[in-house]
Amino acid sequence: MKLSVKTVYACRVMAQIARLHAAGKLAHVESLARLEAVPPKYLAQIMSELREGGLITSRRGKAGGYALARSAEEISLADIAVLMEGDLLDHGRDHSGHSGRRVVQAWKAVRATLIAGAKEHTLDQLVAGEVEEMYYI
């Protein structure tokens, strides 16, 4: 399975929003685009999907910006990926042929394992214990 660029960008941006959220700050599209190397126009679309999907909230105005809709501990990579991609590893429902039923069952098991693994990784874990890079002269 290959994740779309949109999903990869969304995960990076959500991690950055979680960093700011932990510091009590709101995120701004311009700085998110710069920090996470996401094209600004594409990021605006992603932010809209994240907001409509209930993962972030937005506040308008001079003091506005974006924040997590719930705590970083409650948002997993699975939440982001399913929102961006839809049903992960959709195996279809075709039970045709001699092996159809067994193949569908196998893909269901793989999907369940993938989702369970992605649910174990939450935004708070992505930003916890980050160490600033050290530069030596």
N, C-alpha and C. Protein backbone atom coordinates (compact mmCIF):
# COMPACT_ATOMS: atom_id res chain seq x y z
N MET A 1 0.84 -1.17 0.00
CA MET A 1 0.00 0.00 0.00
C MET A 1 0.88 1.24 0.00
N LYS A 2 0.53 2.18 -0.81
CA LYS A 2 1.28 3.43 -0.88
C LYS A 2 0.35 4.56 -0.47
N LEU A 3 0.76 5.33 0.52
CA LEU A 3 -0.03 6.47 0.95
C LEU A 3 0.14 7.61 -0.04
N SER A 4 -0.91 8.37 -0.22
CA SER A 4 -0.84 9.52 -1.12
C SER A 4 0.01 10.62 -0.50
N VAL A 5 0.50 11.51 -1.35
CA VAL A 5 1.27 12.65 -0.88
C VAL A 5 0.40 13.48 0.06
N LYS A 6 -0.88 13.57 -0.23
CA LYS A 6 -1.80 14.34 0.62
C LYS A 6 -1.81 13.80 2.04
N THR A 7 -1.81 12.49 2.19
CA THR A 7 -1.82 11.88 3.52
C THR A 7 -0.49 12.12 4.24
N VAL A 8 0.60 11.99 3.53
CA VAL A 8 1.91 12.25 4.13
C VAL A 8 2.00 13.70 4.59
N TYR A 9 1.58 14.63 3.76
CA TYR A 9 1.57 16.04 4.15
C TYR A 9 0.66 16.26 5.36
N ALA A 10 -0.51 15.66 5.34
CA ALA A 10 -1.46 15.84 6.45
C ALA A 10 -0.86 15.35 7.76
N CYS A 11 -0.16 14.24 7.74
CA CYS A 11 0.48 13.71 8.96
C CYS A 11 1.55 14.66 9.47
N ARG A 12 2.37 15.18 8.57
CA ARG A 12 3.42 16.12 8.98
C ARG A 12 2.83 17.40 9.55
N VAL A 13 1.82 17.92 8.90
CA VAL A 13 1.19 19.16 9.36
C VAL A 13 0.49 18.94 10.70
N MET A 14 -0.17 17.80 10.86
CA MET A 14 -0.83 17.52 12.14
C MET A 14 0.20 17.41 13.26
N ALA A 15 1.36 16.85 12.99
CA ALA A 15 2.41 16.79 14.02
C ALA A 15 2.86 18.19 14.40
N GLN A 16 2.98 19.07 13.42
CA GLN A 16 3.38 20.45 13.70
C GLN A 16 2.30 21.19 14.49
N ILE A 17 1.04 20.97 14.14
CA ILE A 17 -0.06 21.59 14.89
C ILE A 17 -0.05 21.07 16.33
N ALA A 18 0.25 19.79 16.52
CA ALA A 18 0.33 19.22 17.87
C ALA A 18 1.45 19.88 18.68
N ARG A 19 2.59 20.15 18.04
CA ARG A 19 3.69 20.85 18.73
C ARG A 19 3.22 22.22 19.23
N LEU A 20 2.57 22.95 18.35
CA LEU A 20 2.10 24.29 18.70
C LEU A 20 0.99 24.21 19.75
N HIS A 21 0.11 23.24 19.59
CA HIS A 21 -0.99 23.04 20.54
C HIS A 21 -0.45 22.82 21.95
N ALA A 22 0.60 22.02 22.06
CA ALA A 22 1.22 21.74 23.37
C ALA A 22 1.80 23.01 24.00
N ALA A 23 2.20 23.95 23.14
CA ALA A 23 2.76 25.21 23.63
C ALA A 23 1.68 26.28 23.79
N GLY A 24 0.42 25.92 23.54
CA GLY A 24 -0.68 26.86 23.68
C GLY A 24 -0.77 27.87 22.55
N LYS A 25 -0.21 27.53 21.39
CA LYS A 25 -0.19 28.44 20.25
C LYS A 25 -1.08 27.90 19.12
N LEU A 26 -1.55 28.81 18.29
CA LEU A 26 -2.32 28.43 17.11
C LEU A 26 -1.38 28.32 15.92
N ALA A 27 -1.73 27.47 14.98
CA ALA A 27 -0.93 27.27 13.77
C ALA A 27 -1.46 28.17 12.66
N HIS A 28 -0.56 28.60 11.79
CA HIS A 28 -0.91 29.45 10.66
C HIS A 28 -0.44 28.75 9.38
N VAL A 29 -1.28 28.84 8.35
CA VAL A 29 -1.01 28.12 7.10
C VAL A 29 0.37 28.47 6.54
N GLU A 30 0.72 29.73 6.55
CA GLU A 30 2.01 30.15 5.96
C GLU A 30 3.18 29.47 6.65
N SER A 31 3.18 29.47 7.98
CA SER A 31 4.30 28.85 8.69
C SER A 31 4.25 27.32 8.58
N LEU A 32 3.06 26.73 8.59
CA LEU A 32 2.96 25.28 8.41
C LEU A 32 3.52 24.87 7.05
N ALA A 33 3.18 25.62 6.03
CA ALA A 33 3.66 25.32 4.67
C ALA A 33 5.18 25.38 4.62
N ARG A 34 5.74 26.40 5.24
CA ARG A 34 7.19 26.57 5.24
C ARG A 34 7.89 25.48 6.06
N LEU A 35 7.42 25.27 7.28
CA LEU A 35 8.07 24.32 8.19
C LEU A 35 7.97 22.87 7.70
N GLU A 36 6.86 22.52 7.08
CA GLU A 36 6.66 21.13 6.68
C GLU A 36 6.80 20.90 5.17
N ALA A 37 7.28 21.93 4.46
CA ALA A 37 7.57 21.83 3.03
C ALA A 37 6.36 21.33 2.23
N VAL A 38 5.23 22.02 2.43
CA VAL A 38 3.99 21.70 1.74
C VAL A 38 3.60 22.91 0.90
N PRO A 39 3.27 22.73 -0.37
CA PRO A 39 2.83 23.86 -1.18
C PRO A 39 1.61 24.54 -0.54
N PRO A 40 1.66 25.86 -0.35
CA PRO A 40 0.59 26.57 0.38
C PRO A 40 -0.82 26.34 -0.16
N LYS A 41 -0.99 26.36 -1.47
CA LYS A 41 -2.34 26.17 -2.03
C LYS A 41 -2.86 24.76 -1.75
N TYR A 42 -1.98 23.78 -1.83
CA TYR A 42 -2.36 22.40 -1.54
C TYR A 42 -2.66 22.25 -0.05
N LEU A 43 -1.87 22.93 0.78
CA LEU A 43 -2.08 22.88 2.22
C LEU A 43 -3.45 23.44 2.60
N ALA A 44 -3.88 24.48 1.93
CA ALA A 44 -5.20 25.05 2.22
C ALA A 44 -6.29 24.01 2.00
N GLN A 45 -6.17 23.20 0.96
CA GLN A 45 -7.14 22.13 0.70
C GLN A 45 -7.08 21.07 1.80
N ILE A 46 -5.87 20.70 2.18
CA ILE A 46 -5.70 19.69 3.23
C ILE A 46 -6.28 20.19 4.55
N MET A 47 -6.01 21.45 4.88
CA MET A 47 -6.53 22.01 6.13
C MET A 47 -8.06 22.00 6.13
N SER A 48 -8.65 22.28 4.99
CA SER A 48 -10.10 22.25 4.89
C SER A 48 -10.63 20.84 5.17
N GLU A 49 -9.99 19.83 4.61
CA GLU A 49 -10.40 18.45 4.86
C GLU A 49 -10.21 18.05 6.31
N LEU A 50 -9.10 18.46 6.90
CA LEU A 50 -8.85 18.15 8.31
C LEU A 50 -9.89 18.81 9.22
N ARG A 51 -10.28 20.04 8.87
CA ARG A 51 -11.29 20.75 9.65
C ARG A 51 -12.66 20.10 9.48
N GLU A 52 -13.04 19.83 8.24
CA GLU A 52 -14.33 19.19 7.98
C GLU A 52 -14.39 17.78 8.58
N GLY A 53 -13.25 17.13 8.68
CA GLY A 53 -13.18 15.79 9.26
C GLY A 53 -13.12 15.79 10.78
N GLY A 54 -13.10 16.97 11.39
CA GLY A 54 -13.14 17.07 12.83
C GLY A 54 -11.82 16.87 13.55
N LEU A 55 -10.70 16.92 12.83
CA LEU A 55 -9.41 16.75 13.50
C LEU A 55 -8.80 18.07 13.96
N ILE A 56 -9.18 19.17 13.29
CA ILE A 56 -8.69 20.49 13.70
C ILE A 56 -9.86 21.46 13.76
N THR A 57 -9.64 22.56 14.47
CA THR A 57 -10.60 23.66 14.50
C THR A 57 -9.89 24.89 13.97
N SER A 58 -10.68 25.86 13.56
CA SER A 58 -10.08 27.10 13.07
C SER A 58 -10.74 28.29 13.74
N ARG A 59 -9.95 29.33 13.89
CA ARG A 59 -10.44 30.59 14.44
C ARG A 59 -10.05 31.68 13.47
N ARG A 60 -11.02 32.47 13.08
CA ARG A 60 -10.77 33.56 12.13
C ARG A 60 -10.26 34.80 12.84
N GLY A 61 -9.74 35.69 12.02
CA GLY A 61 -9.35 37.00 12.53
C GLY A 61 -7.86 37.13 12.76
N LYS A 62 -7.51 38.29 13.26
CA LYS A 62 -6.10 38.63 13.48
C LYS A 62 -5.43 37.65 14.44
N ALA A 63 -6.13 37.23 15.47
CA ALA A 63 -5.58 36.29 16.44
C ALA A 63 -5.99 34.85 16.11
N GLY A 64 -6.35 34.62 14.86
CA GLY A 64 -6.84 33.31 14.47
C GLY A 64 -5.75 32.32 14.11
N GLY A 65 -6.19 31.15 13.73
CA GLY A 65 -5.28 30.09 13.34
C GLY A 65 -5.96 28.74 13.52
N TYR A 66 -5.17 27.69 13.52
CA TYR A 66 -5.67 26.33 13.63
C TYR A 66 -5.16 25.67 14.90
N ALA A 67 -6.00 24.80 15.47
CA ALA A 67 -5.63 24.03 16.66
C ALA A 67 -6.22 22.63 16.52
N LEU A 68 -5.72 21.72 17.32
CA LEU A 68 -6.29 20.37 17.34
C LEU A 68 -7.72 20.43 17.88
N ALA A 69 -8.58 19.61 17.32
CA ALA A 69 -9.97 19.56 17.78
C ALA A 69 -10.10 18.74 19.06
N ARG A 70 -9.15 17.85 19.29
CA ARG A 70 -9.10 17.09 20.54
C ARG A 70 -7.63 16.90 20.88
N SER A 71 -7.35 16.29 21.99
CA SER A 71 -5.97 16.20 22.46
C SER A 71 -5.12 15.34 21.51
N ALA A 72 -3.84 15.61 21.52
CA ALA A 72 -2.90 14.89 20.67
C ALA A 72 -2.88 13.40 20.97
N GLU A 73 -3.19 13.03 22.21
CA GLU A 73 -3.24 11.62 22.60
C GLU A 73 -4.41 10.88 21.95
N GLU A 74 -5.40 11.64 21.51
CA GLU A 74 -6.61 11.05 20.95
C GLU A 74 -6.63 11.02 19.43
N ILE A 75 -5.60 11.55 18.78
CA ILE A 75 -5.55 11.57 17.32
C ILE A 75 -4.41 10.67 16.86
N SER A 76 -4.76 9.65 16.10
CA SER A 76 -3.76 8.69 15.64
C SER A 76 -3.48 8.86 14.14
N LEU A 77 -2.41 8.21 13.71
CA LEU A 77 -2.12 8.19 12.27
C LEU A 77 -3.27 7.54 11.51
N ALA A 78 -3.94 6.58 12.12
CA ALA A 78 -5.09 5.95 11.48
C ALA A 78 -6.19 6.96 11.23
N ASP A 79 -6.45 7.84 12.21
CA ASP A 79 -7.48 8.87 12.04
C ASP A 79 -7.18 9.75 10.83
N ILE A 80 -5.93 10.15 10.71
CA ILE A 80 -5.53 11.03 9.61
C ILE A 80 -5.60 10.29 8.29
N ALA A 81 -5.04 9.09 8.23
CA ALA A 81 -5.00 8.33 6.99
C ALA A 81 -6.39 7.97 6.49
N VAL A 82 -7.26 7.54 7.38
CA VAL A 82 -8.62 7.18 6.96
C VAL A 82 -9.37 8.41 6.46
N LEU A 83 -9.16 9.55 7.11
CA LEU A 83 -9.80 10.77 6.67
C LEU A 83 -9.32 11.16 5.27
N MET A 84 -8.03 11.06 5.04
CA MET A 84 -7.46 11.48 3.76
C MET A 84 -7.66 10.45 2.64
N GLU A 85 -7.54 9.18 2.98
CA GLU A 85 -7.55 8.12 1.96
C GLU A 85 -8.90 7.44 1.79
N GLY A 86 -9.72 7.50 2.82
CA GLY A 86 -10.94 6.69 2.79
C GLY A 86 -10.63 5.34 3.42
N ASP A 87 -11.34 4.34 3.03
CA ASP A 87 -11.18 3.00 3.60
C ASP A 87 -9.82 2.42 3.19
N LEU A 88 -8.93 2.25 4.16
CA LEU A 88 -7.59 1.72 3.87
C LEU A 88 -7.66 0.26 3.45
N LEU A 89 -6.95 -0.06 2.41
CA LEU A 89 -6.89 -1.42 1.88
C LEU A 89 -8.28 -2.00 1.62
N ASP A 90 -9.10 -1.23 0.94
CA ASP A 90 -10.43 -1.73 0.59
C ASP A 90 -10.23 -2.92 -0.33
N HIS A 91 -10.63 -4.07 0.14
CA HIS A 91 -10.39 -5.33 -0.57
C HIS A 91 -11.53 -5.71 -1.48
N GLY A 92 -12.57 -4.94 -1.52
CA GLY A 92 -13.73 -5.27 -2.34
C GLY A 92 -14.55 -6.36 -1.67
N ARG A 93 -15.58 -6.72 -2.32
CA ARG A 93 -16.49 -7.72 -1.75
C ARG A 93 -16.69 -8.89 -2.70
N ASP A 94 -15.79 -9.01 -3.67
CA ASP A 94 -15.94 -10.06 -4.68
C ASP A 94 -15.43 -11.39 -4.15
N HIS A 95 -16.35 -12.30 -3.87
CA HIS A 95 -16.01 -13.63 -3.38
C HIS A 95 -15.98 -14.65 -4.52
N SER A 96 -15.93 -14.17 -5.75
CA SER A 96 -15.99 -15.05 -6.91
C SER A 96 -14.80 -16.00 -6.97
N GLY A 97 -14.99 -17.05 -7.70
CA GLY A 97 -13.92 -18.01 -7.91
C GLY A 97 -13.73 -18.94 -6.73
N HIS A 98 -12.93 -19.93 -6.96
CA HIS A 98 -12.66 -20.95 -5.95
C HIS A 98 -12.00 -20.37 -4.70
N SER A 99 -11.12 -19.39 -4.89
CA SER A 99 -10.36 -18.83 -3.77
C SER A 99 -10.85 -17.47 -3.30
N GLY A 100 -11.88 -16.96 -3.91
CA GLY A 100 -12.36 -15.61 -3.61
C GLY A 100 -12.61 -15.34 -2.14
N ARG A 101 -13.34 -16.24 -1.49
CA ARG A 101 -13.68 -16.03 -0.08
C ARG A 101 -12.42 -15.98 0.80
N ARG A 102 -11.48 -16.87 0.55
CA ARG A 102 -10.25 -16.91 1.37
C ARG A 102 -9.38 -15.69 1.13
N VAL A 103 -9.33 -15.22 -0.12
CA VAL A 103 -8.54 -14.03 -0.43
C VAL A 103 -9.13 -12.81 0.29
N VAL A 104 -10.45 -12.66 0.25
CA VAL A 104 -11.11 -11.54 0.94
C VAL A 104 -10.85 -11.62 2.44
N GLN A 105 -10.92 -12.81 3.02
CA GLN A 105 -10.65 -12.97 4.45
C GLN A 105 -9.22 -12.58 4.78
N ALA A 106 -8.28 -12.96 3.93
CA ALA A 106 -6.87 -12.62 4.16
C ALA A 106 -6.67 -11.11 4.13
N TRP A 107 -7.27 -10.42 3.15
CA TRP A 107 -7.13 -8.97 3.07
C TRP A 107 -7.81 -8.28 4.24
N LYS A 108 -8.90 -8.82 4.73
CA LYS A 108 -9.54 -8.26 5.92
C LYS A 108 -8.60 -8.34 7.12
N ALA A 109 -7.90 -9.44 7.27
CA ALA A 109 -6.96 -9.60 8.38
C ALA A 109 -5.79 -8.63 8.24
N VAL A 110 -5.27 -8.48 7.03
CA VAL A 110 -4.17 -7.54 6.80
C VAL A 110 -4.62 -6.12 7.11
N ARG A 111 -5.81 -5.76 6.66
CA ARG A 111 -6.36 -4.43 6.91
C ARG A 111 -6.50 -4.18 8.42
N ALA A 112 -7.02 -5.15 9.14
CA ALA A 112 -7.21 -4.99 10.59
C ALA A 112 -5.86 -4.77 11.28
N THR A 113 -4.84 -5.49 10.86
CA THR A 113 -3.50 -5.33 11.43
C THR A 113 -2.94 -3.95 11.12
N LEU A 114 -3.12 -3.50 9.89
CA LEU A 114 -2.64 -2.18 9.49
C LEU A 114 -3.32 -1.09 10.30
N ILE A 115 -4.62 -1.14 10.41
CA ILE A 115 -5.37 -0.13 11.17
C ILE A 115 -4.95 -0.15 12.64
N ALA A 116 -4.83 -1.33 13.21
CA ALA A 116 -4.44 -1.44 14.62
C ALA A 116 -3.06 -0.82 14.84
N GLY A 117 -2.13 -1.08 13.95
CA GLY A 117 -0.79 -0.50 14.07
C GLY A 117 -0.80 1.01 13.95
N ALA A 118 -1.59 1.53 13.01
CA ALA A 118 -1.66 2.98 12.81
C ALA A 118 -2.35 3.66 13.98
N LYS A 119 -3.26 2.96 14.64
CA LYS A 119 -3.94 3.53 15.81
C LYS A 119 -3.00 3.64 17.01
N GLU A 120 -1.95 2.83 17.04
CA GLU A 120 -1.00 2.86 18.15
C GLU A 120 -0.11 4.10 18.13
N HIS A 121 -0.01 4.75 17.00
CA HIS A 121 0.85 5.92 16.85
C HIS A 121 0.01 7.19 16.87
N THR A 122 0.12 7.93 17.97
CA THR A 122 -0.66 9.15 18.14
C THR A 122 0.23 10.38 18.00
N LEU A 123 -0.43 11.52 17.82
CA LEU A 123 0.32 12.76 17.62
C LEU A 123 1.22 13.09 18.79
N ASP A 124 0.77 12.82 20.00
CA ASP A 124 1.61 13.14 21.16
C ASP A 124 2.91 12.34 21.12
N GLN A 125 2.87 11.12 20.60
CA GLN A 125 4.08 10.31 20.49
C GLN A 125 5.02 10.87 19.43
N LEU A 126 4.46 11.45 18.38
CA LEU A 126 5.30 12.01 17.31
C LEU A 126 6.09 13.22 17.78
N VAL A 127 5.56 13.95 18.74
CA VAL A 127 6.24 15.17 19.17
C VAL A 127 6.88 15.04 20.56
N ALA A 128 6.65 13.96 21.24
CA ALA A 128 7.19 13.78 22.59
C ALA A 128 8.70 13.56 22.55
N GLY A 129 9.36 14.22 23.47
CA GLY A 129 10.80 14.00 23.64
C GLY A 129 11.65 14.43 22.48
N GLU A 130 11.14 15.36 21.67
CA GLU A 130 11.95 15.83 20.56
C GLU A 130 13.15 16.57 21.09
N VAL A 131 14.25 16.34 20.45
CA VAL A 131 15.50 16.99 20.83
C VAL A 131 15.88 17.95 19.73
N GLU A 132 16.22 19.16 20.12
CA GLU A 132 16.68 20.13 19.14
C GLU A 132 17.98 19.60 18.52
N GLU A 133 18.14 19.84 17.21
CA GLU A 133 19.36 19.40 16.56
C GLU A 133 20.55 20.19 17.11
N MET A 134 21.63 19.50 17.30
CA MET A 134 22.85 20.14 17.79
C MET A 134 23.74 20.46 16.60
N TYR A 135 24.26 21.64 16.60
CA TYR A 135 25.18 22.04 15.55
C TYR A 135 26.55 22.26 16.17
N TYR A 136 27.54 21.60 15.63
CA TYR A 136 28.89 21.72 16.15
C TYR A 136 29.75 22.51 15.18
N ILE A 137 30.58 23.34 15.74
CA ILE A 137 31.48 24.16 14.90
C ILE A 137 32.86 23.57 14.96
